Protein backbone atom coordinates (compact mmCIF):
# COMPACT_ATOMS: atom_id res chain seq x y z
CA MET A 1 -22.91 2.54 14.62
CA VAL A 2 -21.40 -0.01 12.21
CA VAL A 3 -18.08 1.86 12.16
CA VAL A 4 -17.95 1.97 15.98
CA LEU A 5 -18.73 -1.74 16.11
CA THR A 6 -15.94 -2.37 13.60
CA VAL A 7 -13.48 -0.49 15.79
CA VAL A 8 -14.59 -2.42 18.89
CA VAL A 9 -14.19 -5.73 17.05
CA ALA A 10 -10.73 -4.70 15.84
CA VAL A 11 -9.62 -3.73 19.35
CA VAL A 12 -11.00 -6.96 20.87
CA ALA A 13 -9.24 -8.96 18.15
CA ALA A 14 -5.99 -7.13 18.91
CA VAL A 15 -6.27 -7.93 22.61
CA VAL A 16 -7.00 -11.60 21.88
CA VAL A 17 -4.00 -11.83 19.55
CA VAL A 18 -1.73 -10.21 22.15
CA VAL A 19 -2.88 -12.71 24.82
CA ILE A 20 -2.31 -15.64 22.45
CA VAL A 21 1.13 -14.33 21.54
CA VAL A 22 2.09 -13.90 25.21
CA VAL A 23 1.03 -17.50 25.93
CA GLU A 24 3.05 -18.71 22.95
CA VAL A 25 6.10 -16.77 24.08
CA VAL A 26 5.90 -18.29 27.57
CA LEU A 27 5.58 -21.79 26.13
CA VAL A 28 8.52 -21.24 23.81
CA LEU A 29 10.64 -19.93 26.68
CA ILE A 30 9.93 -23.15 28.56
CA VAL A 31 10.47 -25.47 25.59
CA GLU A 32 13.19 -23.85 23.48
CA LYS A 33 14.93 -20.52 24.04
CA VAL A 34 16.20 -20.16 20.47
CA LEU A 35 12.71 -19.62 19.06
CA VAL A 36 11.98 -16.68 21.36
CA VAL A 37 13.31 -14.12 18.89
CA VAL A 38 11.23 -15.56 16.05
CA VAL A 39 8.03 -15.59 18.11
CA VAL A 40 8.59 -12.03 19.31
CA VAL A 41 9.14 -10.83 15.74
CA VAL A 42 5.98 -12.60 14.58
CA ALA A 43 4.03 -11.15 17.51
CA LEU A 44 5.24 -7.65 16.77
CA THR A 45 4.35 -8.09 13.09
CA VAL A 46 0.81 -9.14 14.03
CA ILE A 47 0.47 -6.20 16.41
CA VAL A 48 1.68 -3.73 13.78
CA LYS A 49 -0.73 -5.14 11.19
CA LEU A 50 -3.63 -4.83 13.64
CA ALA A 51 -2.58 -1.24 14.42
CA VAL A 52 -2.66 -0.47 10.68
CA VAL A 53 -6.20 -1.89 10.47
CA VAL A 54 -7.28 0.32 13.38
CA VAL A 55 -5.70 3.39 11.73
CA VAL A 56 -7.48 2.66 8.43
CA VAL A 57 -10.80 2.36 10.30
CA GLN A 58 -10.13 5.63 12.11
CA VAL A 59 -9.28 7.41 8.84
CA GLU A 60 -12.49 6.12 7.29
CA MET A 61 -14.50 7.20 10.35
CA SER A 62 -12.98 10.67 10.19
CA SER A 63 -13.69 10.90 6.48
CA VAL A 64 -17.35 9.94 7.02
CA ARG A 65 -17.65 12.45 9.87
CA PHE A 66 -16.15 15.29 7.82
CA ARG A 67 -18.35 14.50 4.81
CA HIS A 68 -21.39 14.50 7.10
CA LEU A 69 -20.37 17.99 8.23
CA GLY A 70 -20.19 19.14 4.60
CA ALA A 71 -16.47 18.82 3.90
CA THR A 72 -15.25 17.89 0.44
CA VAL A 73 -12.29 15.55 0.10
CA THR A 74 -9.92 16.86 -2.54
CA THR A 75 -6.23 17.09 -3.37
CA SER A 76 -3.79 19.90 -2.73
CA GLU A 77 -3.27 20.13 -6.50
CA ALA A 78 -6.97 20.80 -7.08
CA ILE A 79 -6.97 23.51 -4.41
CA LEU A 80 -3.94 25.22 -5.95
CA LEU A 81 -5.57 25.22 -9.39
CA GLN A 82 -8.78 26.64 -7.93
CA LEU A 83 -6.80 29.43 -6.27
CA VAL A 84 -5.10 30.56 -9.50
CA GLY A 85 -8.29 30.21 -11.52
CA ASP A 86 -6.95 29.76 -15.05
CA LYS A 87 -3.85 30.05 -17.26
CA ASP A 88 -4.14 33.84 -17.36
CA HIS A 89 -3.15 34.14 -13.69
CA PRO A 90 0.39 35.59 -13.31
CA LYS A 91 1.50 32.71 -11.04
CA PHE A 92 -0.09 29.91 -13.10
CA LYS A 93 3.21 28.59 -14.52
CA GLU A 94 4.79 28.47 -11.04
CA VAL A 95 1.82 26.59 -9.62
CA GLN A 96 1.83 24.23 -12.57
CA ALA A 97 5.51 23.47 -11.95
CA LEU A 98 4.74 22.70 -8.29
CA ILE A 99 2.00 20.29 -9.30
CA LYS A 100 4.23 18.48 -11.79
CA THR A 101 6.80 17.80 -9.06
CA SER A 102 4.35 16.76 -6.34
CA ALA A 103 5.15 14.26 -3.59
CA PRO A 104 4.56 10.53 -4.15
CA ASP A 105 1.12 9.05 -3.46
CA THR A 106 0.69 8.24 0.25
CA GLY A 107 -2.43 6.14 -0.26
CA LEU A 108 -4.41 8.18 2.24
CA LEU A 109 -7.14 9.10 -0.21
CA THR A 110 -7.48 5.56 -1.55
CA ASN A 111 -7.20 3.66 1.79
CA ARG A 112 -4.12 1.77 0.59
CA LEU A 113 -2.15 2.08 3.85
């Protein structure tokens, strides 16, 4: 319930910000046309930041839902090591090489989006 309320608050905040930005853009168009580009860029920046907040909330909601259903959050590296078992597996060295050259951290598991 708290997560749903958080999403609703984030969406309402986004709508309020968009309305405020539209009003500011109209006022700037009337007063000074040169500032239009700056205001639009600022508005788009605010909208993108709010979208990121909504995505983070959705990722957290999904994570909670999956955990509730019994899922375990882990890494692809851990899964690969579980599949080969131990160093006696014939493909262990190949898997180890894959893990050493893994992709950069996306921040998805630590909510650093």
